[in-house]
Amino acid sequence: MPSTPVLQTPRLVLRPLRTKDAPVIQKRFATWEVVRWLDAKVPWPYPADGAANFVNACLAEMAGGEAAHWALVPKRGPADLIGIISLRPDDGETHDQRGFWLDPAFHGKGLMTEAADRVTDYAFGKLGWPCLWLSNAQDNHASRRIKEKQGARLVDMKIGRFVSGEATRMVWLLDREDWVGRQAA
């Protein structure tokens, strides 16, 4: 992957994650409401150095061209990040190329849909990817709704391991042609 660019939406700046984001991530991320539907590899209870370790891992992935990680910063509102969205190439196994979280104080405003749409445009338009594999816990209705709004097709249901325990994992496929057609309509 190329270096992570700055992207913009009407209400957000998506900028590359940076080391000094760790304290804000530690404050906003370490809540059950945020982490319960994330992969079980996320430590819980969240350790005091959890965000610093996470940011270091993200920066290494970005430097190695393995992934892009953006901080979501409102154009109006707090100057700090309110969430993160990530994108990675298809590894042929996990079927999970885009992940995100948002501080619960900002839920229900369409901000993550806006960020997901912009990152999807980047994946299909700039990177030329033919599709995006996406997934979420079945009971994570907000994440599921973003995929539905984007026109992704549900293609599989599996058992997943989340911070909250085992649950059904929904696997979605979003084709570039479907996305482009939907955006033109």
C-alpha atoms as a PDB file:
ATOM      1  CA  MET A   1       0.000   0.000   0.000  1.00  0.00           C
ATOM      2  CA  PRO A   2       1.133   3.574  -0.602  1.00  0.00           C
ATOM      3  CA  SER A   3       1.678   5.934   2.308  1.00  0.00           C
ATOM      4  CA  THR A   4      -1.545   6.841   4.088  1.00  0.00           C
ATOM      5  CA  PRO A   5      -2.971  10.048   2.578  1.00  0.00           C
ATOM      6  CA  VAL A   6      -5.071  12.694   4.271  1.00  0.00           C
ATOM      7  CA  LEU A   7      -8.706  12.255   3.198  1.00  0.00           C
ATOM      8  CA  GLN A   8     -11.640  14.583   3.804  1.00  0.00           C
ATOM      9  CA  THR A   9     -15.393  14.306   4.077  1.00  0.00           C
ATOM     10  CA  PRO A  10     -17.894  17.126   4.580  1.00  0.00           C
ATOM     11  CA  ARG A  11     -17.498  16.873   8.371  1.00  0.00           C
ATOM     12  CA  LEU A  12     -14.233  14.999   8.975  1.00  0.00           C
ATOM     13  CA  VAL A  13     -10.542  15.044   8.283  1.00  0.00           C
ATOM     14  CA  LEU A  14      -9.095  11.538   8.071  1.00  0.00           C
ATOM     15  CA  ARG A  15      -5.398  11.919   8.749  1.00  0.00           C
ATOM     16  CA  PRO A  16      -2.733   9.274   9.258  1.00  0.00           C
ATOM     17  CA  LEU A  17      -2.472   7.995  12.802  1.00  0.00           C
ATOM     18  CA  ARG A  18       0.514   9.360  14.725  1.00  0.00           C
ATOM     19  CA  THR A  19       2.365   8.618  17.953  1.00  0.00           C
ATOM     20  CA  LYS A  20       0.903  11.556  19.853  1.00  0.00           C
ATOM     21  CA  ASP A  21      -2.624  10.128  19.324  1.00  0.00           C
ATOM     22  CA  ALA A  22      -2.009   7.418  21.938  1.00  0.00           C
ATOM     23  CA  PRO A  23      -3.248   9.361  25.023  1.00  0.00           C
ATOM     24  CA  VAL A  24      -6.495  10.339  23.276  1.00  0.00           C
ATOM     25  CA  ILE A  25      -7.019   6.773  22.057  1.00  0.00           C
ATOM     26  CA  GLN A  26      -6.412   5.480  25.582  1.00  0.00           C
ATOM     27  CA  LYS A  27      -9.101   7.854  26.891  1.00  0.00           C
ATOM     28  CA  ARG A  28     -11.725   7.314  24.158  1.00  0.00           C
ATOM     29  CA  PHE A  29     -11.175   3.640  23.315  1.00  0.00           C
ATOM     30  CA  ALA A  30     -10.942   1.904  26.676  1.00  0.00           C
ATOM     31  CA  THR A  31     -14.697   1.461  27.202  1.00  0.00           C
ATOM     32  CA  TRP A  32     -16.752  -1.708  26.974  1.00  0.00           C
ATOM     33  CA  GLU A  33     -19.159  -0.103  24.509  1.00  0.00           C
ATOM     34  CA  VAL A  34     -16.275   0.409  22.050  1.00  0.00           C
ATOM     35  CA  VAL A  35     -14.328  -2.826  22.469  1.00  0.00           C
ATOM     36  CA  ARG A  36     -16.965  -5.520  23.008  1.00  0.00           C
ATOM     37  CA  TRP A  37     -17.488  -6.245  19.283  1.00  0.00           C
ATOM     38  CA  LEU A  38     -13.809  -6.079  18.333  1.00  0.00           C
ATOM     39  CA  ASP A  39     -11.563  -9.060  17.705  1.00  0.00           C
ATOM     40  CA  ALA A  40     -10.621 -11.026  20.816  1.00  0.00           C
ATOM     41  CA  LYS A  41      -6.961 -10.082  20.293  1.00  0.00           C
ATOM     42  CA  VAL A  42      -7.807  -6.658  21.773  1.00  0.00           C
ATOM     43  CA  PRO A  43      -6.835  -6.947  25.462  1.00  0.00           C
ATOM     44  CA  TRP A  44      -9.569  -6.423  28.026  1.00  0.00           C
ATOM     45  CA  PRO A  45      -9.489  -4.876  30.535  1.00  0.00           C
ATOM     46  CA  TYR A  46      -7.562  -2.452  28.375  1.00  0.00           C
ATOM     47  CA  PRO A  47      -4.052  -2.010  29.814  1.00  0.00           C
ATOM     48  CA  ALA A  48      -2.532   1.383  30.616  1.00  0.00           C
ATOM     49  CA  ASP A  49      -0.112   0.987  27.694  1.00  0.00           C
ATOM     50  CA  GLY A  50      -2.732  -0.458  25.333  1.00  0.00           C
ATOM     51  CA  ALA A  51      -3.062   2.589  23.091  1.00  0.00           C
ATOM     52  CA  ALA A  52       0.700   3.168  22.896  1.00  0.00           C
ATOM     53  CA  ASN A  53       1.223  -0.459  21.845  1.00  0.00           C
ATOM     54  CA  PHE A  54      -1.627  -0.214  19.341  1.00  0.00           C
ATOM     55  CA  VAL A  55      -0.296   2.979  17.766  1.00  0.00           C
ATOM     56  CA  ASN A  56       3.216   1.538  17.490  1.00  0.00           C
ATOM     57  CA  ALA A  57       1.835  -1.548  15.726  1.00  0.00           C
ATOM     58  CA  CYS A  58      -0.217   0.627  13.364  1.00  0.00           C
ATOM     59  CA  LEU A  59       2.758   2.848  12.536  1.00  0.00           C
ATOM     60  CA  ALA A  60       4.854  -0.246  11.755  1.00  0.00           C
ATOM     61  CA  GLU A  61       2.106  -1.564   9.449  1.00  0.00           C
ATOM     62  CA  MET A  62       1.879   1.796   7.705  1.00  0.00           C
ATOM     63  CA  ALA A  63       5.663   2.009   7.280  1.00  0.00           C
ATOM     64  CA  GLY A  64       5.701  -1.513   5.845  1.00  0.00           C
ATOM     65  CA  GLY A  65       2.872  -0.806   3.394  1.00  0.00           C
ATOM     66  CA  GLU A  66       0.676  -3.394   5.113  1.00  0.00           C
ATOM     67  CA  ALA A  67      -2.229  -1.123   6.082  1.00  0.00           C
ATOM     68  CA  ALA A  68      -3.541   2.422   6.311  1.00  0.00           C
ATOM     69  CA  HIS A  69      -4.793   3.760   9.650  1.00  0.00           C
ATOM     70  CA  TRP A  70      -6.629   7.068   9.849  1.00  0.00           C
ATOM     71  CA  ALA A  71      -7.560   9.207  12.842  1.00  0.00           C
ATOM     72  CA  LEU A  72     -11.040  10.694  12.483  1.00  0.00           C
ATOM     73  CA  VAL A  73     -10.939  14.375  13.438  1.00  0.00           C
ATOM     74  CA  PRO A  74     -14.075  16.526  13.224  1.00  0.00           C
ATOM     75  CA  LYS A  75     -13.766  19.730  11.218  1.00  0.00           C
ATOM     76  CA  ARG A  76     -15.912  21.379  13.888  1.00  0.00           C
ATOM     77  CA  GLY A  77     -15.600  20.119  17.434  1.00  0.00           C
ATOM     78  CA  PRO A  78     -12.755  18.521  19.333  1.00  0.00           C
ATOM     79  CA  ALA A  79      -9.324  18.963  17.768  1.00  0.00           C
ATOM     80  CA  ASP A  80      -8.433  15.405  18.785  1.00  0.00           C
ATOM     81  CA  LEU A  81      -9.438  12.185  17.114  1.00  0.00           C
ATOM     82  CA  ILE A  82     -12.841  10.708  17.883  1.00  0.00           C
ATOM     83  CA  GLY A  83     -12.234   7.335  16.286  1.00  0.00           C
ATOM     84  CA  ILE A  84     -10.120   5.343  13.865  1.00  0.00           C
ATOM     85  CA  ILE A  85     -10.704   3.626  10.545  1.00  0.00           C
ATOM     86  CA  SER A  86      -8.244   1.209   8.970  1.00  0.00           C
ATOM     87  CA  LEU A  87      -7.827  -0.410   5.565  1.00  0.00           C
ATOM     88  CA  ARG A  88      -5.694  -3.357   4.534  1.00  0.00           C
ATOM     89  CA  PRO A  89      -5.239  -5.421   1.386  1.00  0.00           C
ATOM     90  CA  ASP A  90      -7.046  -8.750   1.079  1.00  0.00           C
ATOM     91  CA  ASP A  91      -4.918 -11.489   2.599  1.00  0.00           C
ATOM     92  CA  GLY A  92      -7.162 -14.199   1.145  1.00  0.00           C
ATOM     93  CA  GLU A  93      -8.024 -15.563   4.587  1.00  0.00           C
ATOM     94  CA  THR A  94      -9.519 -13.166   7.125  1.00  0.00           C
ATOM     95  CA  HIS A  95     -12.075 -11.494   4.848  1.00  0.00           C
ATOM     96  CA  ASP A  96     -11.809  -8.323   6.853  1.00  0.00           C
ATOM     97  CA  GLN A  97     -10.173  -5.407   5.055  1.00  0.00           C
ATOM     98  CA  ARG A  98     -11.701  -2.429   6.842  1.00  0.00           C
ATOM     99  CA  GLY A  99     -12.139  -1.885  10.558  1.00  0.00           C
ATOM    100  CA  PHE A 100     -13.236   1.052  12.650  1.00  0.00           C
ATOM    101  CA  TRP A 101     -14.353   2.345  16.010  1.00  0.00           C
ATOM    102  CA  LEU A 102     -15.910   5.590  17.151  1.00  0.00           C
ATOM    103  CA  ASP A 103     -16.197   7.199  20.560  1.00  0.00           C
ATOM    104  CA  PRO A 104     -19.786   6.520  21.756  1.00  0.00           C
ATOM    105  CA  ALA A 105     -20.307  10.265  22.356  1.00  0.00           C
ATOM    106  CA  PHE A 106     -20.329  10.630  18.544  1.00  0.00           C
ATOM    107  CA  HIS A 107     -22.545   7.663  17.657  1.00  0.00           C
ATOM    108  CA  GLY A 108     -25.789   8.169  15.749  1.00  0.00           C
ATOM    109  CA  LYS A 109     -24.619  11.150  13.683  1.00  0.00           C
ATOM    110  CA  GLY A 110     -23.578   9.351  10.500  1.00  0.00           C
ATOM    111  CA  LEU A 111     -19.901  10.170  11.013  1.00  0.00           C
ATOM    112  CA  MET A 112     -18.640   6.609  10.674  1.00  0.00           C
ATOM    113  CA  THR A 113     -20.744   6.067   7.555  1.00  0.00           C
ATOM    114  CA  GLU A 114     -19.171   9.215   6.123  1.00  0.00           C
ATOM    115  CA  ALA A 115     -15.660   7.978   6.969  1.00  0.00           C
ATOM    116  CA  ALA A 116     -16.367   4.461   5.665  1.00  0.00           C
ATOM    117  CA  ASP A 117     -17.699   5.871   2.389  1.00  0.00           C
ATOM    118  CA  ARG A 118     -14.574   8.001   1.922  1.00  0.00           C
ATOM    119  CA  VAL A 119     -12.200   5.101   2.658  1.00  0.00           C
ATOM    120  CA  THR A 120     -14.222   2.872   0.314  1.00  0.00           C
ATOM    121  CA  ASP A 121     -13.902   5.518  -2.429  1.00  0.00           C
ATOM    122  CA  TYR A 122     -10.148   5.516  -1.817  1.00  0.00           C
ATOM    123  CA  ALA A 123      -9.895   1.712  -1.991  1.00  0.00           C
ATOM    124  CA  PHE A 124     -11.860   1.475  -5.234  1.00  0.00           C
ATOM    125  CA  GLY A 125     -10.873   4.740  -6.912  1.00  0.00           C
ATOM    126  CA  LYS A 126      -7.255   5.347  -5.967  1.00  0.00           C
ATOM    127  CA  LEU A 127      -6.094   1.803  -5.189  1.00  0.00           C
ATOM    128  CA  GLY A 128      -8.242   0.150  -7.861  1.00  0.00           C
ATOM    129  CA  TRP A 129      -9.250  -2.780  -5.672  1.00  0.00           C
ATOM    130  CA  PRO A 130     -11.973  -4.977  -7.216  1.00  0.00           C
ATOM    131  CA  CYS A 131     -13.783  -5.607  -3.925  1.00  0.00           C
ATOM    132  CA  LEU A 132     -13.694  -5.168  -0.175  1.00  0.00           C
ATOM    133  CA  TRP A 133     -14.215  -7.984   2.307  1.00  0.00           C
ATOM    134  CA  LEU A 134     -15.875  -6.718   5.469  1.00  0.00           C
ATOM    135  CA  SER A 135     -17.073  -8.325   8.682  1.00  0.00           C
ATOM    136  CA  ASN A 136     -18.780  -7.606  11.967  1.00  0.00           C
ATOM    137  CA  ALA A 137     -20.346  -9.338  14.934  1.00  0.00           C
ATOM    138  CA  GLN A 138     -23.968 -10.084  14.101  1.00  0.00           C
ATOM    139  CA  ASP A 139     -25.175  -8.144  17.137  1.00  0.00           C
ATOM    140  CA  ASN A 140     -23.135  -5.067  16.202  1.00  0.00           C
ATOM    141  CA  HIS A 141     -26.099  -3.464  14.460  1.00  0.00           C
ATOM    142  CA  ALA A 142     -24.421  -0.113  13.769  1.00  0.00           C
ATOM    143  CA  SER A 143     -21.512  -1.737  11.924  1.00  0.00           C
ATOM    144  CA  ARG A 144     -23.908  -4.008  10.058  1.00  0.00           C
ATOM    145  CA  ARG A 145     -26.016  -1.020   8.985  1.00  0.00           C
ATOM    146  CA  ILE A 146     -23.000   0.752   7.452  1.00  0.00           C
ATOM    147  CA  LYS A 147     -22.321  -2.291   5.278  1.00  0.00           C
ATOM    148  CA  GLU A 148     -25.966  -2.505   4.244  1.00  0.00           C
ATOM    149  CA  LYS A 149     -26.051   1.204   3.333  1.00  0.00           C
ATOM    150  CA  GLN A 150     -22.928   0.741   1.226  1.00  0.00           C
ATOM    151  CA  GLY A 151     -24.554  -2.088  -0.723  1.00  0.00           C
ATOM    152  CA  ALA A 152     -22.367  -4.920   0.575  1.00  0.00           C
ATOM    153  CA  ARG A 153     -23.729  -8.441   0.176  1.00  0.00           C
ATOM    154  CA  LEU A 154     -23.807 -10.835   3.113  1.00  0.00           C
ATOM    155  CA  VAL A 155     -21.896 -13.908   1.897  1.00  0.00           C
ATOM    156  CA  ASP A 156     -21.173 -15.967   5.021  1.00  0.00           C
ATOM    157  CA  MET A 157     -21.859 -16.420   8.712  1.00  0.00           C
ATOM    158  CA  LYS A 158     -19.159 -17.904  10.936  1.00  0.00           C
ATOM    159  CA  ILE A 159     -18.323 -18.194  14.579  1.00  0.00           C
ATOM    160  CA  GLY A 160     -16.068 -15.335  15.588  1.00  0.00           C
ATOM    161  CA  ARG A 161     -14.100 -14.581  18.717  1.00  0.00           C
ATOM    162  CA  PHE A 162     -14.732 -11.111  20.040  1.00  0.00           C
ATOM    163  CA  VAL A 163     -13.755  -9.327  23.252  1.00  0.00           C
ATOM    164  CA  SER A 164     -17.293 -10.090  24.470  1.00  0.00           C
ATOM    165  CA  GLY A 165     -16.897 -13.806  23.645  1.00  0.00           C
ATOM    166  CA  GLU A 166     -17.875 -16.117  20.808  1.00  0.00           C
ATOM    167  CA  ALA A 167     -20.618 -14.843  18.536  1.00  0.00           C
ATOM    168  CA  THR A 168     -21.760 -15.052  14.955  1.00  0.00           C
ATOM    169  CA  ARG A 169     -19.495 -13.129  12.582  1.00  0.00           C
ATOM    170  CA  MET A 170     -21.112 -11.785   9.429  1.00  0.00           C
ATOM    171  CA  VAL A 171     -18.893 -11.705   6.325  1.00  0.00           C
ATOM    172  CA  TRP A 172     -19.749  -9.210   3.591  1.00  0.00           C
ATOM    173  CA  LEU A 173     -18.475  -8.549   0.083  1.00  0.00           C
ATOM    174  CA  LEU A 174     -18.643  -5.123  -1.511  1.00  0.00           C
ATOM    175  CA  ASP A 175     -17.847  -5.166  -5.238  1.00  0.00           C
ATOM    176  CA  ARG A 176     -16.276  -2.135  -6.873  1.00  0.00           C
ATOM    177  CA  GLU A 177     -18.759  -2.182  -9.764  1.00  0.00           C
ATOM    178  CA  ASP A 178     -21.720  -2.211  -7.367  1.00  0.00           C
ATOM    179  CA  TRP A 179     -20.190   0.637  -5.364  1.00  0.00           C
ATOM    180  CA  VAL A 180     -19.479   2.782  -8.421  1.00  0.00           C
ATOM    181  CA  GLY A 181     -22.994   2.182  -9.787  1.00  0.00           C
ATOM    182  CA  ARG A 182     -24.549   3.052  -6.455  1.00  0.00           C
ATOM    183  CA  GLN A 183     -22.549   6.285  -6.204  1.00  0.00           C
ATOM    184  CA  ALA A 184     -23.569   7.322  -9.727  1.00  0.00           C
ATOM    185  CA  ALA A 185     -27.269   6.769  -8.993  1.00  0.00           C
END
